[in-house]
């Protein structure tokens, strides 16, 4: 299980870093912290997009010390990457 989480974390980290509008922080635990860097795109928007796909992530807007829009999620399902890709493509079209 540990090796699976490590490899999936690295895979998700690498793939998410390729997407515009998201900054992914290096991780040492079984979750990733992502800052949304697209004006008008909120952590709530990303949360709702994930929920519609049956994926639960954490909207970090209530976390003390995190300025801006952040979400956090456990390494779980590669479908999450698909959701972030769709959000990125949609945001790119709005530019």
PDB file of N, CA and C in Angstrom:
ATOM      1  N   UNK A   1       0.827  -1.195   0.000  1.00  0.00           N
ATOM      2  CA  UNK A   1       0.000   0.000   0.000  1.00  0.00           C
ATOM      3  C   UNK A   1       0.869   1.255   0.000  1.00  0.00           C
ATOM      4  N   UNK A   2       1.918   1.212   0.795  1.00  0.00           N
ATOM      5  CA  UNK A   2       2.804   2.372   0.879  1.00  0.00           C
ATOM      6  C   UNK A   2       3.436   2.677  -0.482  1.00  0.00           C
ATOM      7  N   UNK A   3       3.921   1.648  -1.167  1.00  0.00           N
ATOM      8  CA  UNK A   3       4.529   1.846  -2.482  1.00  0.00           C
ATOM      9  C   UNK A   3       3.518   2.357  -3.498  1.00  0.00           C
ATOM     10  N   UNK A   4       2.289   1.856  -3.419  1.00  0.00           N
ATOM     11  CA  UNK A   4       1.239   2.322  -4.318  1.00  0.00           C
ATOM     12  C   UNK A   4       0.961   3.803  -4.094  1.00  0.00           C
ATOM     13  N   UNK A   5       0.827   4.205  -2.844  1.00  0.00           N
ATOM     14  CA  UNK A   5       0.566   5.618  -2.533  1.00  0.00           C
ATOM     15  C   UNK A   5       1.725   6.488  -3.009  1.00  0.00           C
ATOM     16  N   UNK A   6       2.955   6.055  -2.781  1.00  0.00           N
ATOM     17  CA  UNK A   6       4.122   6.835  -3.210  1.00  0.00           C
ATOM     18  C   UNK A   6       4.149   7.011  -4.723  1.00  0.00           C
ATOM     19  N   UNK A   7       3.902   5.933  -5.455  1.00  0.00           N
ATOM     20  CA  UNK A   7       3.947   6.033  -6.914  1.00  0.00           C
ATOM     21  C   UNK A   7       2.769   6.857  -7.447  1.00  0.00           C
ATOM     22  N   UNK A   8       1.586   6.686  -6.879  1.00  0.00           N
ATOM     23  CA  UNK A   8       0.425   7.464  -7.317  1.00  0.00           C
ATOM     24  C   UNK A   8       0.585   8.943  -6.967  1.00  0.00           C
ATOM     25  N   UNK A   9       1.157   9.230  -5.818  1.00  0.00           N
ATOM     26  CA  UNK A   9       1.397  10.629  -5.431  1.00  0.00           C
ATOM     27  C   UNK A   9       2.336  11.280  -6.437  1.00  0.00           C
ATOM     28  N   UNK A  10       3.400  10.606  -6.789  1.00  0.00           N
ATOM     29  CA  UNK A  10       4.359  11.149  -7.749  1.00  0.00           C
ATOM     30  C   UNK A  10       3.706  11.336  -9.121  1.00  0.00           C
ATOM     31  N   UNK A  11       2.909  10.367  -9.536  1.00  0.00           N
ATOM     32  CA  UNK A  11       2.218  10.457 -10.822  1.00  0.00           C
ATOM     33  C   UNK A  11       1.275  11.664 -10.844  1.00  0.00           C
ATOM     34  N   UNK A  12       0.432  11.776  -9.822  1.00  0.00           N
ATOM     35  CA  UNK A  12      -0.523  12.890  -9.757  1.00  0.00           C
ATOM     36  C   UNK A  12       0.200  14.233  -9.683  1.00  0.00           C
ATOM     37  N   UNK A  13       1.235  14.306  -8.876  1.00  0.00           N
ATOM     38  CA  UNK A  13       2.013  15.540  -8.731  1.00  0.00           C
ATOM     39  C   UNK A  13       2.570  15.968 -10.089  1.00  0.00           C
ATOM     40  N   UNK A  14       3.181  15.031 -10.796  1.00  0.00           N
ATOM     41  CA  UNK A  14       3.790  15.327 -12.089  1.00  0.00           C
ATOM     42  C   UNK A  14       2.749  15.771 -13.106  1.00  0.00           C
ATOM     43  N   UNK A  15       1.646  15.058 -13.196  1.00  0.00           N
ATOM     44  CA  UNK A  15       0.609  15.386 -14.177  1.00  0.00           C
ATOM     45  C   UNK A  15      -0.086  16.712 -13.864  1.00  0.00           C
ATOM     46  N   UNK A  16      -0.366  16.968 -12.598  1.00  0.00           N
ATOM     47  CA  UNK A  16      -1.027  18.223 -12.222  1.00  0.00           C
ATOM     48  C   UNK A  16      -0.122  19.428 -12.471  1.00  0.00           C
ATOM     49  N   UNK A  17       1.170  19.254 -12.308  1.00  0.00           N
ATOM     50  CA  UNK A  17       2.111  20.360 -12.560  1.00  0.00           C
ATOM     51  C   UNK A  17       2.132  20.772 -14.031  1.00  0.00           C
ATOM     52  N   UNK A  18       1.707  19.884 -14.909  1.00  0.00           N
ATOM     53  CA  UNK A  18       1.677  20.186 -16.340  1.00  0.00           C
ATOM     54  C   UNK A  18       0.488  21.074 -16.719  1.00  0.00           C
ATOM     55  N   UNK A  19      -0.497  21.170 -15.836  1.00  0.00           N
ATOM     56  CA  UNK A  19      -1.712  21.921 -16.144  1.00  0.00           C
ATOM     57  C   UNK A  19      -1.549  23.399 -15.796  1.00  0.00           C
ATOM     58  N   UNK A  20      -2.073  24.271 -16.670  1.00  0.00           N
ATOM     59  CA  UNK A  20      -2.047  25.692 -16.309  1.00  0.00           C
ATOM     60  C   UNK A  20      -3.067  25.977 -15.205  1.00  0.00           C
ATOM     61  N   UNK A  21      -2.858  27.056 -14.510  1.00  0.00           N
ATOM     62  CA  UNK A  21      -3.784  27.584 -13.501  1.00  0.00           C
ATOM     63  C   UNK A  21      -3.728  26.870 -12.147  1.00  0.00           C
ATOM     64  N   UNK A  22      -2.836  25.875 -11.990  1.00  0.00           N
ATOM     65  CA  UNK A  22      -2.716  25.164 -10.724  1.00  0.00           C
ATOM     66  C   UNK A  22      -1.246  25.097 -10.313  1.00  0.00           C
ATOM     67  N   UNK A  23      -1.002  25.396  -9.045  1.00  0.00           N
ATOM     68  CA  UNK A  23       0.335  25.169  -8.489  1.00  0.00           C
ATOM     69  C   UNK A  23       0.214  24.041  -7.475  1.00  0.00           C
ATOM     70  N   UNK A  24       0.997  23.002  -7.672  1.00  0.00           N
ATOM     71  CA  UNK A  24       0.965  21.839  -6.788  1.00  0.00           C
ATOM     72  C   UNK A  24       2.200  21.876  -5.896  1.00  0.00           C
ATOM     73  N   UNK A  25       1.973  21.827  -4.604  1.00  0.00           N
ATOM     74  CA  UNK A  25       3.078  21.854  -3.650  1.00  0.00           C
ATOM     75  C   UNK A  25       3.684  20.459  -3.522  1.00  0.00           C
ATOM     76  N   UNK A  26       5.005  20.398  -3.389  1.00  0.00           N
ATOM     77  CA  UNK A  26       5.643  19.091  -3.161  1.00  0.00           C
ATOM     78  C   UNK A  26       5.031  18.432  -1.924  1.00  0.00           C
ATOM     79  N   UNK A  27       4.862  17.128  -1.976  1.00  0.00           N
ATOM     80  CA  UNK A  27       4.158  16.423  -0.898  1.00  0.00           C
ATOM     81  C   UNK A  27       5.042  15.346  -0.283  1.00  0.00           C
ATOM     82  N   UNK A  28       4.841  15.146   1.002  1.00  0.00           N
ATOM     83  CA  UNK A  28       5.537  14.090   1.736  1.00  0.00           C
ATOM     84  C   UNK A  28       4.548  13.220   2.510  1.00  0.00           C
ATOM     85  N   UNK A  29       3.273  13.503   2.341  1.00  0.00           N
ATOM     86  CA  UNK A  29       2.212  12.730   2.996  1.00  0.00           C
ATOM     87  C   UNK A  29       1.355  12.105   1.903  1.00  0.00           C
ATOM     88  N   UNK A  30       0.217  11.564   2.268  1.00  0.00           N
ATOM     89  CA  UNK A  30      -0.637  10.908   1.273  1.00  0.00           C
ATOM     90  C   UNK A  30      -1.677  11.859   0.673  1.00  0.00           C
ATOM     91  N   UNK A  31      -1.390  13.158   0.686  1.00  0.00           N
ATOM     92  CA  UNK A  31      -2.290  14.115   0.048  1.00  0.00           C
ATOM     93  C   UNK A  31      -1.482  15.182  -0.673  1.00  0.00           C
ATOM     94  N   UNK A  32      -2.149  15.884  -1.578  1.00  0.00           N
ATOM     95  CA  UNK A  32      -1.536  16.987  -2.315  1.00  0.00           C
ATOM     96  C   UNK A  32      -2.300  18.270  -2.014  1.00  0.00           C
ATOM     97  N   UNK A  33      -1.572  19.364  -1.926  1.00  0.00           N
ATOM     98  CA  UNK A  33      -2.145  20.695  -1.747  1.00  0.00           C
ATOM     99  C   UNK A  33      -1.960  21.446  -3.057  1.00  0.00           C
ATOM    100  N   UNK A  34      -3.062  21.988  -3.580  1.00  0.00           N
ATOM    101  CA  UNK A  34      -3.043  22.664  -4.875  1.00  0.00           C
ATOM    102  C   UNK A  34      -3.574  24.083  -4.702  1.00  0.00           C
ATOM    103  N   UNK A  35      -2.815  25.048  -5.228  1.00  0.00           N
ATOM    104  CA  UNK A  35      -3.284  26.429  -5.242  1.00  0.00           C
ATOM    105  C   UNK A  35      -3.841  26.736  -6.629  1.00  0.00           C
ATOM    106  N   UNK A  36      -5.024  27.302  -6.661  1.00  0.00           N
ATOM    107  CA  UNK A  36      -5.680  27.676  -7.910  1.00  0.00           C
ATOM    108  C   UNK A  36      -5.200  29.073  -8.278  1.00  0.00           C
ATOM    109  N   UNK A  37      -4.673  29.212  -9.472  1.00  0.00           N
ATOM    110  CA  UNK A  37      -4.072  30.476  -9.887  1.00  0.00           C
ATOM    111  C   UNK A  37      -4.757  31.088 -11.101  1.00  0.00           C
ATOM    112  N   UNK A  38      -6.044  30.870 -11.214  1.00  0.00           N
ATOM    113  CA  UNK A  38      -6.833  31.440 -12.307  1.00  0.00           C
ATOM    114  C   UNK A  38      -7.851  32.385 -11.701  1.00  0.00           C
ATOM    115  N   UNK A  39      -7.786  33.657 -12.071  1.00  0.00           N
ATOM    116  CA  UNK A  39      -8.769  34.627 -11.581  1.00  0.00           C
ATOM    117  C   UNK A  39     -10.168  34.140 -11.904  1.00  0.00           C
ATOM    118  N   UNK A  40     -11.038  34.202 -10.930  1.00  0.00           N
ATOM    119  CA  UNK A  40     -12.424  33.814 -11.113  1.00  0.00           C
ATOM    120  C   UNK A  40     -12.704  32.343 -10.869  1.00  0.00           C
ATOM    121  N   UNK A  41     -11.663  31.532 -10.732  1.00  0.00           N
ATOM    122  CA  UNK A  41     -11.835  30.113 -10.430  1.00  0.00           C
ATOM    123  C   UNK A  41     -11.562  29.920  -8.944  1.00  0.00           C
ATOM    124  N   UNK A  42     -12.550  29.431  -8.223  1.00  0.00           N
ATOM    125  CA  UNK A  42     -12.430  29.326  -6.772  1.00  0.00           C
ATOM    126  C   UNK A  42     -12.259  27.877  -6.326  1.00  0.00           C
ATOM    127  N   UNK A  43     -11.858  27.731  -5.080  1.00  0.00           N
ATOM    128  CA  UNK A  43     -11.749  26.394  -4.497  1.00  0.00           C
ATOM    129  C   UNK A  43     -13.122  25.732  -4.443  1.00  0.00           C
ATOM    130  N   UNK A  44     -14.148  26.526  -4.255  1.00  0.00           N
ATOM    131  CA  UNK A  44     -15.511  26.004  -4.259  1.00  0.00           C
ATOM    132  C   UNK A  44     -15.883  25.458  -5.639  1.00  0.00           C
ATOM    133  N   UNK A  45     -15.464  26.133  -6.703  1.00  0.00           N
ATOM    134  CA  UNK A  45     -15.723  25.656  -8.065  1.00  0.00           C
ATOM    135  C   UNK A  45     -15.078  24.290  -8.297  1.00  0.00           C
ATOM    136  N   UNK A  46     -13.834  24.148  -7.865  1.00  0.00           N
ATOM    137  CA  UNK A  46     -13.104  22.895  -8.045  1.00  0.00           C
ATOM    138  C   UNK A  46     -13.743  21.803  -7.190  1.00  0.00           C
ATOM    139  N   UNK A  47     -14.101  22.156  -5.962  1.00  0.00           N
ATOM    140  CA  UNK A  47     -14.771  21.207  -5.071  1.00  0.00           C
ATOM    141  C   UNK A  47     -16.054  20.678  -5.715  1.00  0.00           C
ATOM    142  N   UNK A  48     -16.882  21.577  -6.228  1.00  0.00           N
ATOM    143  CA  UNK A  48     -18.159  21.192  -6.839  1.00  0.00           C
ATOM    144  C   UNK A  48     -17.947  20.315  -8.079  1.00  0.00           C
ATOM    145  N   UNK A  49     -16.943  20.637  -8.884  1.00  0.00           N
ATOM    146  CA  UNK A  49     -16.651  19.826 -10.073  1.00  0.00           C
ATOM    147  C   UNK A  49     -16.269  18.406  -9.669  1.00  0.00           C
ATOM    148  N   UNK A  50     -15.519  18.280  -8.608  1.00  0.00           N
ATOM    149  CA  UNK A  50     -15.121  16.955  -8.121  1.00  0.00           C
ATOM    150  C   UNK A  50     -16.318  16.193  -7.556  1.00  0.00           C
ATOM    151  N   UNK A  51     -17.150  16.869  -6.800  1.00  0.00           N
ATOM    152  CA  UNK A  51     -18.338  16.232  -6.218  1.00  0.00           C
ATOM    153  C   UNK A  51     -19.252  15.690  -7.318  1.00  0.00           C
ATOM    154  N   UNK A  52     -19.410  16.469  -8.393  1.00  0.00           N
ATOM    155  CA  UNK A  52     -20.250  16.007  -9.506  1.00  0.00           C
ATOM    156  C   UNK A  52     -19.729  14.703 -10.107  1.00  0.00           C
ATOM    157  N   UNK A  53     -18.440  14.444  -9.963  1.00  0.00           N
ATOM    158  CA  UNK A  53     -17.836  13.210 -10.473  1.00  0.00           C
ATOM    159  C   UNK A  53     -17.730  12.131  -9.392  1.00  0.00           C
ATOM    160  N   UNK A  54     -18.300  12.408  -8.223  1.00  0.00           N
ATOM    161  CA  UNK A  54     -18.274  11.435  -7.138  1.00  0.00           C
ATOM    162  C   UNK A  54     -16.958  11.381  -6.386  1.00  0.00           C
ATOM    163  N   UNK A  55     -16.182  12.459  -6.467  1.00  0.00           N
ATOM    164  CA  UNK A  55     -14.879  12.523  -5.806  1.00  0.00           C
ATOM    165  C   UNK A  55     -14.907  13.585  -4.710  1.00  0.00           C
ATOM    166  N   UNK A  56     -14.433  13.246  -3.544  1.00  0.00           N
ATOM    167  CA  UNK A  56     -14.433  14.167  -2.405  1.00  0.00           C
ATOM    168  C   UNK A  56     -13.033  14.749  -2.222  1.00  0.00           C
ATOM    169  N   UNK A  57     -12.961  16.080  -2.225  1.00  0.00           N
ATOM    170  CA  UNK A  57     -11.713  16.773  -1.922  1.00  0.00           C
ATOM    171  C   UNK A  57     -12.018  17.779  -0.827  1.00  0.00           C
ATOM    172  N   UNK A  58     -10.990  18.427  -0.329  1.00  0.00           N
ATOM    173  CA  UNK A  58     -11.161  19.406   0.740  1.00  0.00           C
ATOM    174  C   UNK A  58     -10.981  20.810   0.197  1.00  0.00           C
ATOM    175  N   UNK A  59     -11.988  21.640   0.354  1.00  0.00           N
ATOM    176  CA  UNK A  59     -11.906  23.062   0.055  1.00  0.00           C
ATOM    177  C   UNK A  59     -11.192  23.697   1.250  1.00  0.00           C
ATOM    178  N   UNK A  60     -10.051  24.293   1.015  1.00  0.00           N
ATOM    179  CA  UNK A  60      -9.219  24.806   2.114  1.00  0.00           C
ATOM    180  C   UNK A  60      -9.467  26.285   2.408  1.00  0.00           C
ATOM    181  N   UNK A  61     -10.565  26.827   1.944  1.00  0.00           N
ATOM    182  CA  UNK A  61     -10.819  28.251   2.142  1.00  0.00           C
ATOM    183  C   UNK A  61     -10.935  28.630   3.614  1.00  0.00           C
ATOM    184  N   UNK A  62     -11.207  27.673   4.477  1.00  0.00           N
ATOM    185  CA  UNK A  62     -11.323  27.972   5.907  1.00  0.00           C
ATOM    186  C   UNK A  62     -10.017  27.731   6.669  1.00  0.00           C
ATOM    187  N   UNK A  63      -8.946  27.335   5.980  1.00  0.00           N
ATOM    188  CA  UNK A  63      -7.672  27.048   6.651  1.00  0.00           C
ATOM    189  C   UNK A  63      -6.958  28.356   6.970  1.00  0.00           C
ATOM    190  N   UNK A  64      -6.638  28.564   8.216  1.00  0.00           N
ATOM    191  CA  UNK A  64      -5.884  29.740   8.631  1.00  0.00           C
ATOM    192  C   UNK A  64      -4.496  29.685   8.008  1.00  0.00           C
ATOM    193  N   UNK A  65      -4.071  30.805   7.438  1.00  0.00           N
ATOM    194  CA  UNK A  65      -2.723  30.892   6.883  1.00  0.00           C
ATOM    195  C   UNK A  65      -2.634  30.610   5.394  1.00  0.00           C
ATOM    196  N   UNK A  66      -3.697  30.130   4.797  1.00  0.00           N
ATOM    197  CA  UNK A  66      -3.684  29.903   3.349  1.00  0.00           C
ATOM    198  C   UNK A  66      -4.409  31.061   2.682  1.00  0.00           C
ATOM    199  N   UNK A  67      -3.632  31.936   2.092  1.00  0.00           N
ATOM    200  CA  UNK A  67      -4.204  33.081   1.390  1.00  0.00           C
ATOM    201  C   UNK A  67      -4.463  32.668  -0.049  1.00  0.00           C
ATOM    202  N   UNK A  68      -5.638  32.898  -0.539  1.00  0.00           N
ATOM    203  CA  UNK A  68      -5.972  32.540  -1.905  1.00  0.00           C
ATOM    204  C   UNK A  68      -6.861  31.319  -1.951  1.00  0.00           C
ATOM    205  N   UNK A  69      -6.856  30.676  -3.086  1.00  0.00           N
ATOM    206  CA  UNK A  69      -7.736  29.539  -3.338  1.00  0.00           C
ATOM    207  C   UNK A  69      -6.932  28.237  -3.329  1.00  0.00           C
ATOM    208  N   UNK A  70      -7.232  27.354  -2.388  1.00  0.00           N
ATOM    209  CA  UNK A  70      -6.518  26.086  -2.243  1.00  0.00           C
ATOM    210  C   UNK A  70      -7.508  24.935  -2.091  1.00  0.00           C
ATOM    211  N   UNK A  71      -7.102  23.778  -2.603  1.00  0.00           N
ATOM    212  CA  UNK A  71      -7.809  22.530  -2.350  1.00  0.00           C
ATOM    213  C   UNK A  71      -6.767  21.491  -1.958  1.00  0.00           C
ATOM    214  N   UNK A  72      -7.243  20.477  -1.242  1.00  0.00           N
ATOM    215  CA  UNK A  72      -6.367  19.397  -0.799  1.00  0.00           C
ATOM    216  C   UNK A  72      -7.102  18.083  -1.033  1.00  0.00           C
ATOM    217  N   UNK A  73      -6.358  17.069  -1.406  1.00  0.00           N
ATOM    218  CA  UNK A  73      -6.991  15.768  -1.610  1.00  0.00           C
ATOM    219  C   UNK A  73      -6.001  14.651  -1.347  1.00  0.00           C
ATOM    220  N   UNK A  74      -6.543  13.550  -0.890  1.00  0.00           N
ATOM    221  CA  UNK A  74      -5.757  12.348  -0.678  1.00  0.00           C
ATOM    222  C   UNK A  74      -5.500  11.681  -2.021  1.00  0.00           C
ATOM    223  N   UNK A  75      -4.421  10.959  -2.073  1.00  0.00           N
ATOM    224  CA  UNK A  75      -4.108  10.192  -3.262  1.00  0.00           C
ATOM    225  C   UNK A  75      -5.118   9.058  -3.320  1.00  0.00           C
ATOM    226  N   UNK A  76      -5.997   9.081  -4.333  1.00  0.00           N
ATOM    227  CA  UNK A  76      -7.087   8.124  -4.327  1.00  0.00           C
ATOM    228  C   UNK A  76      -7.411   7.562  -5.695  1.00  0.00           C
ATOM    229  N   UNK A  77      -7.674   8.413  -6.624  1.00  0.00           N
ATOM    230  CA  UNK A  77      -8.269   7.964  -7.867  1.00  0.00           C
ATOM    231  C   UNK A  77      -7.785   8.862  -8.999  1.00  0.00           C
ATOM    232  N   UNK A  78      -7.307   8.261 -10.055  1.00  0.00           N
ATOM    233  CA  UNK A  78      -6.826   9.053 -11.184  1.00  0.00           C
ATOM    234  C   UNK A  78      -7.938   9.817 -11.890  1.00  0.00           C
ATOM    235  N   UNK A  79      -9.182   9.484 -11.613  1.00  0.00           N
ATOM    236  CA  UNK A  79     -10.288  10.262 -12.181  1.00  0.00           C
ATOM    237  C   UNK A  79     -10.185  11.717 -11.752  1.00  0.00           C
ATOM    238  N   UNK A  80      -9.572  11.957 -10.612  1.00  0.00           N
ATOM    239  CA  UNK A  80      -9.389  13.320 -10.126  1.00  0.00           C
ATOM    240  C   UNK A  80      -8.558  14.139 -11.123  1.00  0.00           C
ATOM    241  N   UNK A  81      -7.566  13.511 -11.695  1.00  0.00           N
ATOM    242  CA  UNK A  81      -6.743  14.183 -12.700  1.00  0.00           C
ATOM    243  C   UNK A  81      -7.601  14.611 -13.891  1.00  0.00           C
ATOM    244  N   UNK A  82      -8.532  13.774 -14.303  1.00  0.00           N
ATOM    245  CA  UNK A  82      -9.430  14.098 -15.404  1.00  0.00           C
ATOM    246  C   UNK A  82     -10.267  15.330 -15.083  1.00  0.00           C
ATOM    247  N   UNK A  83     -10.739  15.429 -13.864  1.00  0.00           N
ATOM    248  CA  UNK A  83     -11.527  16.596 -13.457  1.00  0.00           C
ATOM    249  C   UNK A  83     -10.676  17.860 -13.543  1.00  0.00           C
ATOM    250  N   UNK A  84      -9.458  17.819 -13.039  1.00  0.00           N
ATOM    251  CA  UNK A  84      -8.573  18.980 -13.094  1.00  0.00           C
ATOM    252  C   UNK A  84      -8.240  19.343 -14.547  1.00  0.00           C
ATOM    253  N   UNK A  85      -8.079  18.349 -15.405  1.00  0.00           N
ATOM    254  CA  UNK A  85      -7.817  18.613 -16.824  1.00  0.00           C
ATOM    255  C   UNK A  85      -9.007  19.310 -17.470  1.00  0.00           C
ATOM    256  N   UNK A  86     -10.214  18.863 -17.164  1.00  0.00           N
ATOM    257  CA  UNK A  86     -11.423  19.501 -17.708  1.00  0.00           C
ATOM    258  C   UNK A  86     -11.541  20.944 -17.230  1.00  0.00           C
ATOM    259  N   UNK A  87     -11.275  21.167 -15.951  1.00  0.00           N
ATOM    260  CA  UNK A  87     -11.340  22.528 -15.399  1.00  0.00           C
ATOM    261  C   UNK A  87     -10.318  23.412 -16.100  1.00  0.00           C
ATOM    262  N   UNK A  88      -9.126  22.899 -16.290  1.00  0.00           N
ATOM    263  CA  UNK A  88      -8.058  23.657 -16.930  1.00  0.00           C
ATOM    264  C   UNK A  88      -8.414  24.005 -18.374  1.00  0.00           C
ATOM    265  N   UNK A  89      -8.975  23.050 -19.101  1.00  0.00           N
ATOM    266  CA  UNK A  89      -9.375  23.298 -20.494  1.00  0.00           C
ATOM    267  C   UNK A  89     -10.487  24.346 -20.556  1.00  0.00           C
ATOM    268  N   UNK A  90     -11.438  24.245 -19.653  1.00  0.00           N
ATOM    269  CA  UNK A  90     -12.533  25.207 -19.614  1.00  0.00           C
ATOM    270  C   UNK A  90     -12.011  26.604 -19.284  1.00  0.00           C
ATOM    271  N   UNK A  91     -11.114  26.703 -18.320  1.00  0.00           N
ATOM    272  CA  UNK A  91     -10.546  27.997 -17.917  1.00  0.00           C
ATOM    273  C   UNK A  91      -9.700  28.588 -19.046  1.00  0.00           C
ATOM    274  N   UNK A  92      -9.021  27.733 -19.776  1.00  0.00           N
ATOM    275  CA  UNK A  92      -8.191  28.187 -20.888  1.00  0.00           C
ATOM    276  C   UNK A  92      -9.065  28.818 -21.981  1.00  0.00           C
ATOM    277  N   UNK A  93     -10.235  28.253 -22.207  1.00  0.00           N
ATOM    278  CA  UNK A  93     -11.151  28.777 -23.231  1.00  0.00           C
ATOM    279  C   UNK A  93     -11.671  30.158 -22.855  1.00  0.00           C
ATOM    280  N   UNK A  94     -11.717  30.458 -21.549  1.00  0.00           N
ATOM    281  CA  UNK A  94     -12.225  31.735 -21.076  1.00  0.00           C
ATOM    282  C   UNK A  94     -11.203  32.856 -21.178  1.00  0.00           C
ATOM    283  N   UNK A  95      -9.935  32.504 -21.448  1.00  0.00           N
ATOM    284  CA  UNK A  95      -8.869  33.512 -21.504  1.00  0.00           C
ATOM    285  C   UNK A  95      -8.971  34.334 -22.749  1.00  0.00           C
TER     286      UNK A  95
END
